[in-house]
Amino acid sequence: MNCDIVLDAIVDKEVQADSPTRVSRPYHRSGIVLALPAGTDGIKTFADLGKEKRVGVQVGSLAQMVLSQLGLRTSPFGFEDEMIEDVAAGKLDGAAVTAASVGYFNLMHPDRKVGLVYASDQEPLLSWNIAVGMRGSDAPLRQKIDAAIERLLADGTIRDIYARYGVEHRPPAP
């Protein structure tokens, strides 16, 4: 990390235990969601999509590994925006991408919106809390950042920032 503070740091206790980077209290729940063609109903999990459907995944990603282990037919891509474009165009049955990518695509393309299912809620490896990552932080700095996050959550600022980009704010998991 070449900066002192970074937003959207993934909270992973094992990683943080071996890293000089410390994290604040989590402020958002993120992960890999399932982007679907508009009007697709009845899909709540990755497995609900069915083994005959093509699901876009980033090459070499954790999502590619997890979905392959579930027996799903994956198609490798380099970038999330390419996968979402193919879902919107009907060339893919779904895509394993971040909610931020889907939200922003839908914000920028209101006439070609794709659906979003939080399928990662059933796949723990594909769902995580995010926080502020801090290098060289001390307890007083972490306390101040935690207090700021608490205020920004309470007054809706964090929710509103995400909404500006078409992303639903999801509270962190305990």
Protein backbone atom coordinates (compact mmCIF):
# COMPACT_ATOMS: atom_id res chain seq x y z
CA MET A 1 0.00 0.00 0.00
CA ASN A 2 1.58 3.29 -1.11
CA CYS A 3 -0.75 5.54 0.84
CA ASP A 4 -1.74 5.98 4.47
CA ILE A 5 -5.49 5.39 4.15
CA VAL A 6 -7.48 3.43 1.58
CA LEU A 7 -11.26 3.05 1.35
CA ASP A 8 -13.02 -0.23 0.61
CA ALA A 9 -10.38 -2.44 2.24
CA ILE A 10 -11.62 -6.01 2.56
CA VAL A 11 -11.88 -7.07 6.18
CA ASP A 12 -10.15 -10.41 6.69
CA LYS A 13 -8.86 -11.10 10.19
CA GLU A 14 -6.27 -13.64 8.99
CA VAL A 15 -4.83 -11.22 6.42
CA GLN A 16 -4.83 -8.28 8.85
CA ALA A 17 -3.04 -10.40 11.49
CA ASP A 18 -0.05 -10.77 9.16
CA SER A 19 -0.14 -7.24 7.73
CA PRO A 20 0.95 -3.82 8.95
CA THR A 21 -2.37 -2.52 7.61
CA ARG A 22 -5.13 -2.08 10.19
CA VAL A 23 -8.81 -1.64 9.42
CA SER A 24 -11.55 0.50 10.86
CA ARG A 25 -14.92 -0.78 11.85
CA PRO A 26 -16.69 -2.09 8.73
CA TYR A 27 -19.11 0.27 6.99
CA HIS A 28 -20.44 -1.82 4.07
CA ARG A 29 -21.10 -5.41 2.98
CA SER A 30 -19.76 -6.25 -0.46
CA GLY A 31 -18.98 -9.26 -2.55
CA ILE A 32 -19.70 -10.97 -5.82
CA VAL A 33 -23.29 -10.72 -7.03
CA LEU A 34 -25.06 -12.27 -9.97
CA ALA A 35 -25.91 -9.90 -12.82
CA LEU A 36 -28.86 -11.22 -14.83
CA PRO A 37 -30.74 -10.21 -17.96
CA ALA A 38 -33.64 -7.87 -17.18
CA GLY A 39 -36.80 -9.73 -16.28
CA THR A 40 -35.09 -12.91 -15.04
CA ASP A 41 -37.11 -14.23 -12.11
CA GLY A 42 -36.73 -17.07 -9.63
CA ILE A 43 -32.94 -16.86 -9.26
CA LYS A 44 -31.69 -16.35 -5.69
CA THR A 45 -28.37 -18.24 -5.68
CA PHE A 46 -25.64 -19.04 -8.18
CA ALA A 47 -26.82 -22.66 -8.25
CA ASP A 48 -30.38 -21.54 -9.18
CA LEU A 49 -29.03 -20.40 -12.54
CA GLY A 50 -28.53 -24.01 -13.60
CA LYS A 51 -25.57 -25.92 -14.95
CA GLU A 52 -26.52 -25.39 -18.60
CA LYS A 53 -26.38 -21.58 -18.41
CA ARG A 54 -23.23 -19.57 -19.19
CA VAL A 55 -21.94 -17.38 -16.36
CA GLY A 56 -19.22 -14.79 -16.98
CA VAL A 57 -16.37 -14.71 -14.46
CA GLN A 58 -13.06 -12.88 -14.28
CA VAL A 59 -10.15 -15.06 -15.36
CA GLY A 60 -8.42 -16.65 -12.38
CA SER A 61 -10.80 -15.13 -9.84
CA LEU A 62 -12.11 -16.67 -6.66
CA ALA A 63 -15.57 -16.48 -8.25
CA GLN A 64 -14.35 -18.62 -11.15
CA MET A 65 -13.08 -21.24 -8.70
CA VAL A 66 -16.22 -21.26 -6.52
CA LEU A 67 -18.67 -21.36 -9.43
CA SER A 68 -16.67 -24.09 -11.17
CA GLN A 69 -16.79 -26.13 -7.95
CA LEU A 70 -20.58 -25.69 -7.98
CA GLY A 71 -20.55 -27.25 -11.47
CA LEU A 72 -21.61 -24.09 -13.28
CA ARG A 73 -20.53 -23.41 -16.86
CA THR A 74 -18.24 -20.38 -16.62
CA SER A 75 -16.94 -18.14 -19.39
CA PRO A 76 -13.73 -16.25 -18.62
CA PHE A 77 -13.52 -12.48 -19.12
CA GLY A 78 -10.90 -9.85 -18.39
CA PHE A 79 -13.20 -7.10 -17.15
CA GLU A 80 -16.51 -6.84 -15.29
CA ASP A 81 -17.93 -4.18 -17.62
CA GLU A 82 -17.51 -6.55 -20.60
CA MET A 83 -19.45 -9.26 -18.78
CA ILE A 84 -22.27 -6.88 -17.86
CA GLU A 85 -22.46 -5.64 -21.46
CA ASP A 86 -22.86 -9.25 -22.63
CA VAL A 87 -25.56 -9.92 -20.03
CA ALA A 88 -27.45 -6.80 -21.18
CA ALA A 89 -27.08 -7.88 -24.82
CA GLY A 90 -28.34 -11.41 -24.07
CA LYS A 91 -25.00 -13.06 -24.90
CA LEU A 92 -24.53 -14.36 -21.33
CA ASP A 93 -27.06 -15.86 -18.94
CA GLY A 94 -25.39 -14.22 -15.95
CA ALA A 95 -22.17 -12.72 -14.65
CA ALA A 96 -20.36 -12.95 -11.32
CA VAL A 97 -19.42 -9.31 -10.68
CA THR A 98 -19.47 -6.70 -7.93
CA ALA A 99 -22.67 -4.89 -7.02
CA ALA A 100 -20.83 -1.60 -7.65
CA SER A 101 -20.22 -2.58 -11.28
CA VAL A 102 -23.88 -3.53 -11.81
CA GLY A 103 -25.15 -0.40 -10.06
CA TYR A 104 -22.92 1.89 -12.08
CA PHE A 105 -23.79 0.13 -15.35
CA ASN A 106 -27.50 0.55 -14.61
CA LEU A 107 -26.98 4.21 -13.68
CA MET A 108 -25.15 4.88 -16.96
CA HIS A 109 -27.49 2.73 -19.11
CA PRO A 110 -31.04 3.27 -17.79
CA ASP A 111 -32.47 1.88 -21.02
CA ARG A 112 -30.48 -1.41 -20.77
CA LYS A 113 -30.55 -2.23 -17.06
CA VAL A 114 -29.56 -5.67 -15.84
CA GLY A 115 -30.88 -7.44 -12.76
CA LEU A 116 -28.87 -8.02 -9.61
CA VAL A 117 -29.13 -10.90 -7.14
CA TYR A 118 -27.06 -10.99 -3.95
CA ALA A 119 -26.16 -14.62 -4.57
CA SER A 120 -22.97 -14.21 -2.54
CA ASP A 121 -25.09 -14.17 0.62
CA GLN A 122 -25.13 -17.99 0.32
CA GLU A 123 -21.43 -18.28 -0.64
CA PRO A 124 -19.27 -17.05 2.28
CA LEU A 125 -16.09 -16.98 0.18
CA LEU A 126 -17.71 -14.45 -2.16
CA SER A 127 -19.03 -12.03 0.48
CA TRP A 128 -17.09 -9.70 2.78
CA ASN A 129 -17.21 -6.57 4.89
CA ILE A 130 -15.26 -3.50 3.83
CA ALA A 131 -13.66 -0.80 5.94
CA VAL A 132 -11.01 1.91 5.90
CA GLY A 133 -7.52 0.42 5.63
CA MET A 134 -4.79 2.31 7.50
CA ARG A 135 -1.02 1.98 7.28
CA GLY A 136 0.99 2.93 10.33
CA SER A 137 -2.11 3.75 12.33
CA ASP A 138 -2.24 4.04 16.07
CA ALA A 139 -5.19 3.49 18.40
CA PRO A 140 -6.21 7.20 18.56
CA LEU A 141 -6.35 7.47 14.73
CA ARG A 142 -8.42 4.27 14.44
CA GLN A 143 -10.78 5.55 17.14
CA LYS A 144 -11.29 8.83 15.27
CA ILE A 145 -11.92 7.06 11.98
CA ASP A 146 -14.33 4.63 13.67
CA ALA A 147 -16.20 7.57 15.22
CA ALA A 148 -16.39 9.31 11.82
CA ILE A 149 -17.74 6.14 10.21
CA GLU A 150 -20.34 5.82 12.97
CA ARG A 151 -21.53 9.39 12.32
CA LEU A 152 -21.57 8.93 8.52
CA LEU A 153 -23.57 5.71 8.86
CA ALA A 154 -26.02 7.26 11.33
CA ASP A 155 -26.77 10.35 9.25
CA GLY A 156 -27.07 8.42 5.96
CA THR A 157 -24.02 9.97 4.29
CA ILE A 158 -22.44 6.63 3.41
CA ARG A 159 -25.77 5.34 2.04
CA ASP A 160 -26.14 8.52 -0.04
CA ILE A 161 -22.60 8.30 -1.45
CA TYR A 162 -23.20 4.75 -2.65
CA ALA A 163 -26.61 5.71 -4.06
CA ARG A 164 -25.00 8.46 -6.16
CA TYR A 165 -23.24 5.69 -8.06
CA GLY A 166 -26.28 3.42 -8.31
CA VAL A 167 -25.10 1.11 -5.51
CA GLU A 168 -27.28 -0.10 -2.66
CA HIS A 169 -25.58 0.36 0.72
CA ARG A 170 -25.68 -2.90 2.65
CA PRO A 171 -24.89 -2.97 6.37
CA PRO A 172 -21.84 -5.02 7.30
CA ALA A 173 -22.35 -8.53 8.66
CA PRO A 174 -21.56 -9.00 12.34
